[in-house]
Amino acid sequence: MSALPAELDPELQDFLTHLRVERRLAERTLAMYGEALRRLQAGAAASQVALRQAQAHHVRGWAAQLRAAGLAPRSIAIALAAWRGLFRWWGRNGQVAVNPVEGVRPPKAAKPLPKALSVEQAVVLAEHRTQNTRPALAARDHAITELLYGSGLRIGEVLGLDVQAGAGARGWLDLPDATAHVLGKGSKRRSVPVGAAALAALRAWLQARPALAAYGEPALFVSQRGTRLTPNQLRNRLQGQALQAGLPTRVHPHMLRHSFASHVLQSSGDLRAVQELLGHASISTTQVYTKLDFQHLARAYDAAHPRARRKGSGG
């Protein structure tokens, strides 16, 4: 696309004035739309096309030129929004019969890579004990962190766990089998192995839990009030742990899930097993889980995850 014009053509300036006076768009938005209109004007001039005679293929070509010039998908989306608004305005005023931008879509923005901790950072966090708090809370926080990182569970799956299986239980632990049974997205149940470090932390928490839990409370993880821990409470506690542990980044529960997936995949290269362990939608139904070879998943986990194995040769 040729160099941008210093001034907008009067017909484009009229539209910008309409946006400022009648639509009362913010100055920053007006500046972005003005830039987009200059790009449209430059594209039309280079193509020797009168803007009111522009067709969809012209618009696609001008958008492609923006992409070739290095504009990000979001910037191209803003440009197309400005162009679309111009032709709609002209259409309402009877100056064009069709809007050539209507069917043109911007390129899809690349999804940002999930943020994960390094193995070293994850282990430091998992082994950290919350300071300046009640021993029962420290035991609870440690167990939660080990379970988030050690099994790759979602925050809702962790908080949905009950101490034991029951009629209304969303999820529960089977400590003798070293397994967590959870209810994931789409009400899909799955079973995931629980590593040795998490098992030890969970047993320590279960010993301390009666000091916090209200009578008859089924939730595995409870707050200081004795009832099921909430997502916000968990997030705040985890962030506090990360700060105390000296991690140089903001840590949230899903980051530990990403870390789990990343570290298992790095070690095993078994994408299929990681998908099953995470319960991703590509494994679509509960019936699929019943047909899977769970021992295969457990072996991939035991062989690959840095928190799965006990230290030393002793039990």
C-alpha atoms as a PDB file:
ATOM      1  CA  MET A   1       0.000   0.000   0.000  1.00  0.00           C
ATOM      2  CA  SER A   2       1.326   3.429  -0.929  1.00  0.00           C
ATOM      3  CA  ALA A   3       2.319   6.091   1.571  1.00  0.00           C
ATOM      4  CA  LEU A   4      -0.535   7.417   3.659  1.00  0.00           C
ATOM      5  CA  PRO A   5      -1.952  10.785   2.612  1.00  0.00           C
ATOM      6  CA  ALA A   6      -1.367  13.730   4.914  1.00  0.00           C
ATOM      7  CA  GLU A   7      -4.994  14.835   4.555  1.00  0.00           C
ATOM      8  CA  LEU A   8      -8.222  12.927   4.184  1.00  0.00           C
ATOM      9  CA  ASP A   9     -10.433  13.497   1.185  1.00  0.00           C
ATOM     10  CA  PRO A  10     -13.448  15.669   2.149  1.00  0.00           C
ATOM     11  CA  GLU A  11     -15.862  12.729   1.815  1.00  0.00           C
ATOM     12  CA  LEU A  12     -13.838  10.732   4.324  1.00  0.00           C
ATOM     13  CA  GLN A  13     -13.330  13.722   6.591  1.00  0.00           C
ATOM     14  CA  ASP A  14     -17.113  14.179   6.665  1.00  0.00           C
ATOM     15  CA  PHE A  15     -17.511  10.652   7.991  1.00  0.00           C
ATOM     16  CA  LEU A  16     -14.872  11.249  10.662  1.00  0.00           C
ATOM     17  CA  THR A  17     -16.675  14.448  11.672  1.00  0.00           C
ATOM     18  CA  HIS A  18     -19.917  12.451  11.894  1.00  0.00           C
ATOM     19  CA  LEU A  19     -18.203  10.007  14.247  1.00  0.00           C
ATOM     20  CA  ARG A  20     -16.854  12.820  16.396  1.00  0.00           C
ATOM     21  CA  VAL A  21     -19.971  15.003  16.568  1.00  0.00           C
ATOM     22  CA  GLU A  22     -22.901  12.622  16.283  1.00  0.00           C
ATOM     23  CA  ARG A  23     -21.474   9.334  17.490  1.00  0.00           C
ATOM     24  CA  ARG A  24     -19.182  11.009  20.028  1.00  0.00           C
ATOM     25  CA  LEU A  25     -16.454   8.430  19.722  1.00  0.00           C
ATOM     26  CA  ALA A  26     -13.479   8.695  22.032  1.00  0.00           C
ATOM     27  CA  GLU A  27     -10.423  10.540  20.752  1.00  0.00           C
ATOM     28  CA  ARG A  28      -8.321   7.392  20.705  1.00  0.00           C
ATOM     29  CA  THR A  29     -10.932   5.579  18.624  1.00  0.00           C
ATOM     30  CA  LEU A  30     -11.205   8.555  16.280  1.00  0.00           C
ATOM     31  CA  ALA A  31      -7.441   8.538  15.815  1.00  0.00           C
ATOM     32  CA  MET A  32      -7.473   4.828  14.915  1.00  0.00           C
ATOM     33  CA  TYR A  33     -10.391   5.312  12.518  1.00  0.00           C
ATOM     34  CA  GLY A  34      -8.648   8.297  10.921  1.00  0.00           C
ATOM     35  CA  GLU A  35      -5.568   6.155  10.336  1.00  0.00           C
ATOM     36  CA  ALA A  36      -7.757   3.413   8.852  1.00  0.00           C
ATOM     37  CA  LEU A  37      -9.454   5.853   6.499  1.00  0.00           C
ATOM     38  CA  ARG A  38      -6.088   7.136   5.309  1.00  0.00           C
ATOM     39  CA  ARG A  39      -5.118   3.558   4.501  1.00  0.00           C
ATOM     40  CA  LEU A  40      -8.365   3.096   2.598  1.00  0.00           C
ATOM     41  CA  GLN A  41      -7.763   6.288   0.659  1.00  0.00           C
ATOM     42  CA  ALA A  42      -4.206   5.221  -0.195  1.00  0.00           C
ATOM     43  CA  GLY A  43      -5.372   1.767  -1.324  1.00  0.00           C
ATOM     44  CA  ALA A  44      -8.067   3.199  -3.571  1.00  0.00           C
ATOM     45  CA  ALA A  45      -5.635   5.700  -5.080  1.00  0.00           C
ATOM     46  CA  ALA A  46      -3.056   2.981  -5.789  1.00  0.00           C
ATOM     47  CA  SER A  47      -5.731   0.805  -7.384  1.00  0.00           C
ATOM     48  CA  GLN A  48      -7.210   3.755  -9.276  1.00  0.00           C
ATOM     49  CA  VAL A  49     -10.645   2.866  -7.927  1.00  0.00           C
ATOM     50  CA  ALA A  50     -13.273   5.433  -6.941  1.00  0.00           C
ATOM     51  CA  LEU A  51     -14.227   4.471  -3.395  1.00  0.00           C
ATOM     52  CA  ARG A  52     -17.973   4.503  -4.015  1.00  0.00           C
ATOM     53  CA  GLN A  53     -17.422   1.984  -6.837  1.00  0.00           C
ATOM     54  CA  ALA A  54     -15.282  -0.318  -4.707  1.00  0.00           C
ATOM     55  CA  GLN A  55     -16.235  -3.980  -4.622  1.00  0.00           C
ATOM     56  CA  ALA A  56     -15.519  -6.785  -2.190  1.00  0.00           C
ATOM     57  CA  HIS A  57     -12.472  -8.015  -4.091  1.00  0.00           C
ATOM     58  CA  HIS A  58     -10.953  -4.528  -3.888  1.00  0.00           C
ATOM     59  CA  VAL A  59     -11.478  -4.470  -0.119  1.00  0.00           C
ATOM     60  CA  ARG A  60      -9.954  -7.931   0.277  1.00  0.00           C
ATOM     61  CA  GLY A  61      -6.937  -6.803  -1.724  1.00  0.00           C
ATOM     62  CA  TRP A  62      -6.471  -3.711   0.418  1.00  0.00           C
ATOM     63  CA  ALA A  63      -6.793  -5.786   3.598  1.00  0.00           C
ATOM     64  CA  ALA A  64      -4.222  -8.232   2.231  1.00  0.00           C
ATOM     65  CA  GLN A  65      -1.877  -5.322   1.611  1.00  0.00           C
ATOM     66  CA  LEU A  66      -2.248  -4.295   5.242  1.00  0.00           C
ATOM     67  CA  ARG A  67      -1.307  -7.810   6.278  1.00  0.00           C
ATOM     68  CA  ALA A  68       1.695  -7.788   3.933  1.00  0.00           C
ATOM     69  CA  ALA A  69       2.749  -4.450   5.408  1.00  0.00           C
ATOM     70  CA  GLY A  70       3.005  -6.114   8.821  1.00  0.00           C
ATOM     71  CA  LEU A  71      -0.171  -4.911  10.496  1.00  0.00           C
ATOM     72  CA  ALA A  72      -1.415  -7.177  13.269  1.00  0.00           C
ATOM     73  CA  PRO A  73      -4.781  -8.919  12.896  1.00  0.00           C
ATOM     74  CA  ARG A  74      -6.304  -6.633  15.517  1.00  0.00           C
ATOM     75  CA  SER A  75      -5.189  -3.529  13.618  1.00  0.00           C
ATOM     76  CA  ILE A  76      -6.640  -4.942  10.404  1.00  0.00           C
ATOM     77  CA  ALA A  77      -9.902  -5.675  12.235  1.00  0.00           C
ATOM     78  CA  ILE A  78     -10.058  -2.037  13.366  1.00  0.00           C
ATOM     79  CA  ALA A  79      -9.383  -0.849   9.803  1.00  0.00           C
ATOM     80  CA  LEU A  80     -12.148  -3.057   8.404  1.00  0.00           C
ATOM     81  CA  ALA A  81     -14.543  -1.818  11.096  1.00  0.00           C
ATOM     82  CA  ALA A  82     -13.830   1.772  10.069  1.00  0.00           C
ATOM     83  CA  TRP A  83     -14.253   0.969   6.376  1.00  0.00           C
ATOM     84  CA  ARG A  84     -17.459  -0.963   7.049  1.00  0.00           C
ATOM     85  CA  GLY A  85     -18.827   1.961   9.032  1.00  0.00           C
ATOM     86  CA  LEU A  86     -18.023   4.377   6.204  1.00  0.00           C
ATOM     87  CA  PHE A  87     -19.915   2.366   3.598  1.00  0.00           C
ATOM     88  CA  ARG A  88     -22.852   1.837   5.942  1.00  0.00           C
ATOM     89  CA  TRP A  89     -23.038   5.577   6.464  1.00  0.00           C
ATOM     90  CA  TRP A  90     -22.925   6.144   2.740  1.00  0.00           C
ATOM     91  CA  GLY A  91     -25.617   3.483   2.311  1.00  0.00           C
ATOM     92  CA  ARG A  92     -27.943   5.218   4.774  1.00  0.00           C
ATOM     93  CA  ASN A  93     -27.413   8.438   2.830  1.00  0.00           C
ATOM     94  CA  GLY A  94     -28.198   6.713  -0.466  1.00  0.00           C
ATOM     95  CA  GLN A  95     -24.674   7.161  -1.821  1.00  0.00           C
ATOM     96  CA  VAL A  96     -23.872   3.455  -2.323  1.00  0.00           C
ATOM     97  CA  ALA A  97     -26.112   0.482  -3.064  1.00  0.00           C
ATOM     98  CA  VAL A  98     -24.055  -2.214  -1.324  1.00  0.00           C
ATOM     99  CA  ASN A  99     -21.425  -2.390   1.372  1.00  0.00           C
ATOM    100  CA  PRO A 100     -18.338  -4.114  -0.107  1.00  0.00           C
ATOM    101  CA  VAL A 101     -16.797  -4.568   3.337  1.00  0.00           C
ATOM    102  CA  GLU A 102     -19.747  -6.461   4.811  1.00  0.00           C
ATOM    103  CA  GLY A 103     -18.482  -9.949   4.034  1.00  0.00           C
ATOM    104  CA  VAL A 104     -14.766  -9.296   4.549  1.00  0.00           C
ATOM    105  CA  ARG A 105     -13.298 -10.713   7.742  1.00  0.00           C
ATOM    106  CA  PRO A 106      -9.927  -9.920   9.296  1.00  0.00           C
ATOM    107  CA  PRO A 107      -7.302 -12.647   9.659  1.00  0.00           C
ATOM    108  CA  LYS A 108      -7.589 -14.630  12.850  1.00  0.00           C
ATOM    109  CA  ALA A 109      -5.267 -13.504  15.563  1.00  0.00           C
ATOM    110  CA  ALA A 110      -2.898 -16.166  16.801  1.00  0.00           C
ATOM    111  CA  LYS A 111      -3.950 -17.400  20.198  1.00  0.00           C
ATOM    112  CA  PRO A 112      -1.395 -16.525  22.855  1.00  0.00           C
ATOM    113  CA  LEU A 113       0.530 -19.481  24.159  1.00  0.00           C
ATOM    114  CA  PRO A 114      -0.596 -20.562  27.611  1.00  0.00           C
ATOM    115  CA  LYS A 115       1.698 -19.370  30.343  1.00  0.00           C
ATOM    116  CA  ALA A 116       3.453 -22.126  32.223  1.00  0.00           C
ATOM    117  CA  LEU A 117       6.043 -22.218  34.956  1.00  0.00           C
ATOM    118  CA  SER A 118       9.383 -23.853  34.399  1.00  0.00           C
ATOM    119  CA  VAL A 119       9.872 -27.215  36.089  1.00  0.00           C
ATOM    120  CA  GLU A 120      12.122 -25.546  38.649  1.00  0.00           C
ATOM    121  CA  GLN A 121       9.572 -22.825  39.441  1.00  0.00           C
ATOM    122  CA  ALA A 122       6.716 -25.322  39.672  1.00  0.00           C
ATOM    123  CA  VAL A 123       8.625 -27.550  42.072  1.00  0.00           C
ATOM    124  CA  VAL A 124       9.640 -24.561  44.226  1.00  0.00           C
ATOM    125  CA  LEU A 125       5.985 -23.527  44.464  1.00  0.00           C
ATOM    126  CA  ALA A 126       4.732 -27.058  45.095  1.00  0.00           C
ATOM    127  CA  GLU A 127       7.232 -27.584  47.907  1.00  0.00           C
ATOM    128  CA  HIS A 128       6.630 -24.183  49.495  1.00  0.00           C
ATOM    129  CA  ARG A 129       4.750 -24.054  52.800  1.00  0.00           C
ATOM    130  CA  THR A 130       2.590 -21.001  53.423  1.00  0.00           C
ATOM    131  CA  GLN A 131       4.168 -18.824  56.111  1.00  0.00           C
ATOM    132  CA  ASN A 132       2.510 -16.832  58.906  1.00  0.00           C
ATOM    133  CA  THR A 133      -0.709 -18.836  58.911  1.00  0.00           C
ATOM    134  CA  ARG A 134      -2.413 -21.612  60.865  1.00  0.00           C
ATOM    135  CA  PRO A 135      -0.815 -25.030  60.374  1.00  0.00           C
ATOM    136  CA  ALA A 136      -4.105 -26.427  59.048  1.00  0.00           C
ATOM    137  CA  LEU A 137      -4.294 -23.688  56.387  1.00  0.00           C
ATOM    138  CA  ALA A 138      -0.681 -24.283  55.413  1.00  0.00           C
ATOM    139  CA  ALA A 139      -1.388 -28.008  55.036  1.00  0.00           C
ATOM    140  CA  ARG A 140      -4.480 -27.266  52.946  1.00  0.00           C
ATOM    141  CA  ASP A 141      -2.661 -24.823  50.662  1.00  0.00           C
ATOM    142  CA  HIS A 142       0.182 -27.276  50.144  1.00  0.00           C
ATOM    143  CA  ALA A 143      -2.216 -30.091  49.238  1.00  0.00           C
ATOM    144  CA  ILE A 144      -4.085 -27.895  46.760  1.00  0.00           C
ATOM    145  CA  THR A 145      -0.905 -26.770  45.024  1.00  0.00           C
ATOM    146  CA  GLU A 146       0.429 -30.304  44.766  1.00  0.00           C
ATOM    147  CA  LEU A 147      -2.891 -31.487  43.330  1.00  0.00           C
ATOM    148  CA  LEU A 148      -3.180 -28.635  40.813  1.00  0.00           C
ATOM    149  CA  TYR A 149       0.329 -29.215  39.526  1.00  0.00           C
ATOM    150  CA  GLY A 150       0.537 -32.946  40.129  1.00  0.00           C
ATOM    151  CA  SER A 151      -2.694 -33.906  38.368  1.00  0.00           C
ATOM    152  CA  GLY A 152      -3.431 -30.970  36.049  1.00  0.00           C
ATOM    153  CA  LEU A 153      -6.918 -30.409  37.429  1.00  0.00           C
ATOM    154  CA  ARG A 154      -9.035 -27.349  36.745  1.00  0.00           C
ATOM    155  CA  ILE A 155      -9.852 -25.117  39.690  1.00  0.00           C
ATOM    156  CA  GLY A 156     -13.491 -26.199  39.606  1.00  0.00           C
ATOM    157  CA  GLU A 157     -12.481 -29.856  39.583  1.00  0.00           C
ATOM    158  CA  VAL A 158     -10.268 -29.403  42.644  1.00  0.00           C
ATOM    159  CA  LEU A 159     -12.891 -27.446  44.559  1.00  0.00           C
ATOM    160  CA  GLY A 160     -15.586 -29.926  43.571  1.00  0.00           C
ATOM    161  CA  LEU A 161     -13.790 -32.806  45.291  1.00  0.00           C
ATOM    162  CA  ASP A 162     -15.395 -34.332  48.353  1.00  0.00           C
ATOM    163  CA  VAL A 163     -13.609 -36.315  51.017  1.00  0.00           C
ATOM    164  CA  GLN A 164     -15.318 -39.468  49.860  1.00  0.00           C
ATOM    165  CA  ALA A 165     -17.686 -40.710  47.195  1.00  0.00           C
ATOM    166  CA  GLY A 166     -21.344 -40.062  47.873  1.00  0.00           C
ATOM    167  CA  ALA A 167     -24.710 -39.728  46.189  1.00  0.00           C
ATOM    168  CA  GLY A 168     -24.259 -36.042  45.424  1.00  0.00           C
ATOM    169  CA  ALA A 169     -20.485 -35.928  45.059  1.00  0.00           C
ATOM    170  CA  ARG A 170     -19.122 -34.109  42.011  1.00  0.00           C
ATOM    171  CA  GLY A 171     -15.711 -35.606  42.596  1.00  0.00           C
ATOM    172  CA  TRP A 172     -13.805 -37.557  45.211  1.00  0.00           C
ATOM    173  CA  LEU A 173     -10.416 -38.981  46.083  1.00  0.00           C
ATOM    174  CA  ASP A 174      -9.477 -42.628  46.164  1.00  0.00           C
ATOM    175  CA  LEU A 175      -6.261 -42.461  48.140  1.00  0.00           C
ATOM    176  CA  PRO A 176      -5.559 -46.215  48.198  1.00  0.00           C
ATOM    177  CA  ASP A 177      -5.809 -46.228  44.393  1.00  0.00           C
ATOM    178  CA  ALA A 178      -3.925 -42.887  44.091  1.00  0.00           C
ATOM    179  CA  THR A 179      -6.716 -41.562  41.890  1.00  0.00           C
ATOM    180  CA  ALA A 180      -8.922 -38.472  41.748  1.00  0.00           C
ATOM    181  CA  HIS A 181     -12.346 -38.842  40.162  1.00  0.00           C
ATOM    182  CA  VAL A 182     -13.557 -35.463  38.894  1.00  0.00           C
ATOM    183  CA  LEU A 183     -16.442 -33.868  37.051  1.00  0.00           C
ATOM    184  CA  GLY A 184     -15.026 -31.736  34.236  1.00  0.00           C
ATOM    185  CA  LYS A 185     -16.443 -29.439  31.588  1.00  0.00           C
ATOM    186  CA  GLY A 186     -19.676 -30.578  30.004  1.00  0.00           C
ATOM    187  CA  SER A 187     -20.368 -32.770  33.057  1.00  0.00           C
ATOM    188  CA  LYS A 188     -17.793 -35.255  31.812  1.00  0.00           C
ATOM    189  CA  ARG A 189     -16.275 -37.509  34.424  1.00  0.00           C
ATOM    190  CA  ARG A 190     -12.709 -38.664  34.279  1.00  0.00           C
ATOM    191  CA  SER A 191     -10.148 -40.254  36.549  1.00  0.00           C
ATOM    192  CA  VAL A 192      -6.611 -38.963  36.897  1.00  0.00           C
ATOM    193  CA  PRO A 193      -3.630 -40.394  38.771  1.00  0.00           C
ATOM    194  CA  VAL A 194      -2.416 -38.596  41.863  1.00  0.00           C
ATOM    195  CA  GLY A 195       1.359 -38.516  42.310  1.00  0.00           C
ATOM    196  CA  ALA A 196       3.281 -39.468  45.414  1.00  0.00           C
ATOM    197  CA  ALA A 197       4.026 -35.883  46.460  1.00  0.00           C
ATOM    198  CA  ALA A 198       0.364 -34.918  46.203  1.00  0.00           C
ATOM    199  CA  LEU A 199      -0.722 -38.054  48.071  1.00  0.00           C
ATOM    200  CA  ALA A 200       1.590 -37.210  50.967  1.00  0.00           C
ATOM    201  CA  ALA A 201       0.317 -33.630  51.062  1.00  0.00           C
ATOM    202  CA  LEU A 202      -3.318 -34.788  50.910  1.00  0.00           C
ATOM    203  CA  ARG A 203      -2.840 -37.218  53.786  1.00  0.00           C
ATOM    204  CA  ALA A 204      -1.280 -34.445  55.880  1.00  0.00           C
ATOM    205  CA  TRP A 205      -4.206 -32.161  55.035  1.00  0.00           C
ATOM    206  CA  LEU A 206      -6.800 -34.814  55.894  1.00  0.00           C
ATOM    207  CA  GLN A 207      -5.227 -35.117  59.334  1.00  0.00           C
ATOM    208  CA  ALA A 208      -5.465 -31.333  59.800  1.00  0.00           C
ATOM    209  CA  ARG A 209      -8.882 -30.872  58.137  1.00  0.00           C
ATOM    210  CA  PRO A 210     -11.036 -31.529  61.255  1.00  0.00           C
ATOM    211  CA  ALA A 211      -9.603 -28.353  62.790  1.00  0.00           C
ATOM    212  CA  LEU A 212     -11.310 -26.314  60.057  1.00  0.00           C
ATOM    213  CA  ALA A 213     -14.224 -28.249  58.554  1.00  0.00           C
ATOM    214  CA  ALA A 214     -17.761 -27.643  59.749  1.00  0.00           C
ATOM    215  CA  TYR A 215     -19.688 -30.655  61.004  1.00  0.00           C
ATOM    216  CA  GLY A 216     -21.015 -32.697  58.104  1.00  0.00           C
ATOM    217  CA  GLU A 217     -19.196 -30.633  55.437  1.00  0.00           C
ATOM    218  CA  PRO A 218     -18.397 -33.011  52.550  1.00  0.00           C
ATOM    219  CA  ALA A 219     -15.926 -30.754  50.709  1.00  0.00           C
ATOM    220  CA  LEU A 220     -12.323 -31.890  50.670  1.00  0.00           C
ATOM    221  CA  PHE A 221     -11.000 -28.325  50.762  1.00  0.00           C
ATOM    222  CA  VAL A 222     -12.669 -25.915  53.172  1.00  0.00           C
ATOM    223  CA  SER A 223     -12.168 -22.300  54.151  1.00  0.00           C
ATOM    224  CA  GLN A 224     -11.554 -20.901  57.625  1.00  0.00           C
ATOM    225  CA  ARG A 225     -15.343 -20.747  57.989  1.00  0.00           C
ATOM    226  CA  GLY A 226     -15.479 -24.509  57.586  1.00  0.00           C
ATOM    227  CA  THR A 227     -17.373 -24.554  54.281  1.00  0.00           C
ATOM    228  CA  ARG A 228     -16.251 -25.371  50.747  1.00  0.00           C
ATOM    229  CA  LEU A 229     -13.403 -23.139  49.562  1.00  0.00           C
ATOM    230  CA  THR A 230     -14.390 -20.674  46.804  1.00  0.00           C
ATOM    231  CA  PRO A 231     -12.465 -20.023  43.565  1.00  0.00           C
ATOM    232  CA  ASN A 232     -11.495 -16.502  44.620  1.00  0.00           C
ATOM    233  CA  GLN A 233     -10.209 -17.727  47.970  1.00  0.00           C
ATOM    234  CA  LEU A 234      -8.095 -20.349  46.232  1.00  0.00           C
ATOM    235  CA  ARG A 235      -6.708 -17.855  43.707  1.00  0.00           C
ATOM    236  CA  ASN A 236      -5.752 -15.404  46.427  1.00  0.00           C
ATOM    237  CA  ARG A 237      -4.054 -18.064  48.530  1.00  0.00           C
ATOM    238  CA  LEU A 238      -2.123 -19.420  45.570  1.00  0.00           C
ATOM    239  CA  GLN A 239      -0.927 -15.966  44.584  1.00  0.00           C
ATOM    240  CA  GLY A 240       0.189 -15.369  48.144  1.00  0.00           C
ATOM    241  CA  GLN A 241       2.131 -18.648  48.081  1.00  0.00           C
ATOM    242  CA  ALA A 242       3.808 -17.674  44.817  1.00  0.00           C
ATOM    243  CA  LEU A 243       4.872 -14.313  46.257  1.00  0.00           C
ATOM    244  CA  GLN A 244       6.236 -15.960  49.385  1.00  0.00           C
ATOM    245  CA  ALA A 245       8.089 -18.519  47.267  1.00  0.00           C
ATOM    246  CA  GLY A 246       9.736 -15.699  45.322  1.00  0.00           C
ATOM    247  CA  LEU A 247       8.340 -16.551  41.899  1.00  0.00           C
ATOM    248  CA  PRO A 248       8.801 -13.680  39.420  1.00  0.00           C
ATOM    249  CA  THR A 249       5.346 -13.996  37.861  1.00  0.00           C
ATOM    250  CA  ARG A 250       1.666 -13.854  38.721  1.00  0.00           C
ATOM    251  CA  VAL A 251       0.518 -17.416  39.316  1.00  0.00           C
ATOM    252  CA  HIS A 252      -3.072 -18.546  38.909  1.00  0.00           C
ATOM    253  CA  PRO A 253      -4.519 -22.073  39.183  1.00  0.00           C
ATOM    254  CA  HIS A 254      -4.785 -22.624  35.432  1.00  0.00           C
ATOM    255  CA  MET A 255      -1.088 -21.831  35.080  1.00  0.00           C
ATOM    256  CA  LEU A 256      -0.352 -24.934  37.125  1.00  0.00           C
ATOM    257  CA  ARG A 257      -2.591 -26.942  34.793  1.00  0.00           C
ATOM    258  CA  HIS A 258      -0.642 -25.566  31.827  1.00  0.00           C
ATOM    259  CA  SER A 259       2.603 -26.393  33.635  1.00  0.00           C
ATOM    260  CA  PHE A 260       1.451 -29.946  34.267  1.00  0.00           C
ATOM    261  CA  ALA A 261       0.590 -30.445  30.593  1.00  0.00           C
ATOM    262  CA  SER A 262       3.766 -28.812  29.344  1.00  0.00           C
ATOM    263  CA  HIS A 263       6.079 -30.784  31.619  1.00  0.00           C
ATOM    264  CA  VAL A 264       4.456 -34.169  30.979  1.00  0.00           C
ATOM    265  CA  LEU A 265       4.484 -33.540  27.242  1.00  0.00           C
ATOM    266  CA  GLN A 266       8.100 -32.406  27.289  1.00  0.00           C
ATOM    267  CA  SER A 267       9.146 -35.561  29.085  1.00  0.00           C
ATOM    268  CA  SER A 268       6.918 -38.152  27.421  1.00  0.00           C
ATOM    269  CA  GLY A 269       6.080 -36.750  23.986  1.00  0.00           C
ATOM    270  CA  ASP A 270       2.762 -38.580  24.389  1.00  0.00           C
ATOM    271  CA  LEU A 271       0.199 -35.983  23.301  1.00  0.00           C
ATOM    272  CA  ARG A 272      -2.669 -38.428  23.400  1.00  0.00           C
ATOM    273  CA  ALA A 273      -2.000 -39.298  27.039  1.00  0.00           C
ATOM    274  CA  VAL A 274      -1.767 -35.622  27.979  1.00  0.00           C
ATOM    275  CA  GLN A 275      -5.109 -34.937  26.286  1.00  0.00           C
ATOM    276  CA  GLU A 276      -6.691 -37.749  28.252  1.00  0.00           C
ATOM    277  CA  LEU A 277      -5.187 -36.637  31.531  1.00  0.00           C
ATOM    278  CA  LEU A 278      -6.455 -33.090  30.985  1.00  0.00           C
ATOM    279  CA  GLY A 279      -9.892 -34.176  29.811  1.00  0.00           C
ATOM    280  CA  HIS A 280      -9.814 -31.944  26.758  1.00  0.00           C
ATOM    281  CA  ALA A 281     -12.886 -31.722  24.555  1.00  0.00           C
ATOM    282  CA  SER A 282     -11.192 -33.750  21.833  1.00  0.00           C
ATOM    283  CA  ILE A 283     -11.727 -36.763  24.035  1.00  0.00           C
ATOM    284  CA  SER A 284     -15.391 -35.891  23.762  1.00  0.00           C
ATOM    285  CA  THR A 285     -17.489 -38.189  25.929  1.00  0.00           C
ATOM    286  CA  THR A 286     -17.616 -39.966  29.242  1.00  0.00           C
ATOM    287  CA  GLN A 287     -17.967 -43.277  27.382  1.00  0.00           C
ATOM    288  CA  VAL A 288     -14.572 -42.745  25.786  1.00  0.00           C
ATOM    289  CA  TYR A 289     -13.017 -42.601  29.232  1.00  0.00           C
ATOM    290  CA  THR A 290     -14.505 -45.940  30.227  1.00  0.00           C
ATOM    291  CA  LYS A 291     -12.879 -47.528  27.166  1.00  0.00           C
ATOM    292  CA  LEU A 292      -9.460 -46.041  27.697  1.00  0.00           C
ATOM    293  CA  ASP A 293      -6.586 -48.023  29.058  1.00  0.00           C
ATOM    294  CA  PHE A 294      -6.191 -46.127  32.305  1.00  0.00           C
ATOM    295  CA  GLN A 295      -3.049 -48.050  33.143  1.00  0.00           C
ATOM    296  CA  HIS A 296      -1.460 -46.596  29.999  1.00  0.00           C
ATOM    297  CA  LEU A 297      -2.280 -43.101  31.230  1.00  0.00           C
ATOM    298  CA  ALA A 298      -0.935 -43.875  34.671  1.00  0.00           C
ATOM    299  CA  ARG A 299       2.302 -45.253  33.221  1.00  0.00           C
ATOM    300  CA  ALA A 300       2.776 -42.158  31.036  1.00  0.00           C
ATOM    301  CA  TYR A 301       2.161 -39.971  34.073  1.00  0.00           C
ATOM    302  CA  ASP A 302       4.464 -41.943  36.383  1.00  0.00           C
ATOM    303  CA  ALA A 303       7.242 -41.959  33.814  1.00  0.00           C
ATOM    304  CA  ALA A 304       6.986 -38.310  32.843  1.00  0.00           C
ATOM    305  CA  HIS A 305       5.733 -36.038  35.622  1.00  0.00           C
ATOM    306  CA  PRO A 306       8.402 -34.684  37.992  1.00  0.00           C
ATOM    307  CA  ARG A 307       6.083 -34.954  41.021  1.00  0.00           C
ATOM    308  CA  ALA A 308       4.830 -38.478  40.341  1.00  0.00           C
ATOM    309  CA  ARG A 309       7.729 -40.435  41.773  1.00  0.00           C
ATOM    310  CA  ARG A 310       8.800 -40.786  45.332  1.00  0.00           C
ATOM    311  CA  LYS A 311      12.282 -39.567  46.172  1.00  0.00           C
ATOM    312  CA  GLY A 312      14.793 -42.302  46.748  1.00  0.00           C
ATOM    313  CA  SER A 313      14.170 -45.994  46.494  1.00  0.00           C
ATOM    314  CA  GLY A 314      12.159 -46.323  49.698  1.00  0.00           C
ATOM    315  CA  GLY A 315       8.340 -46.465  49.656  1.00  0.00           C
END
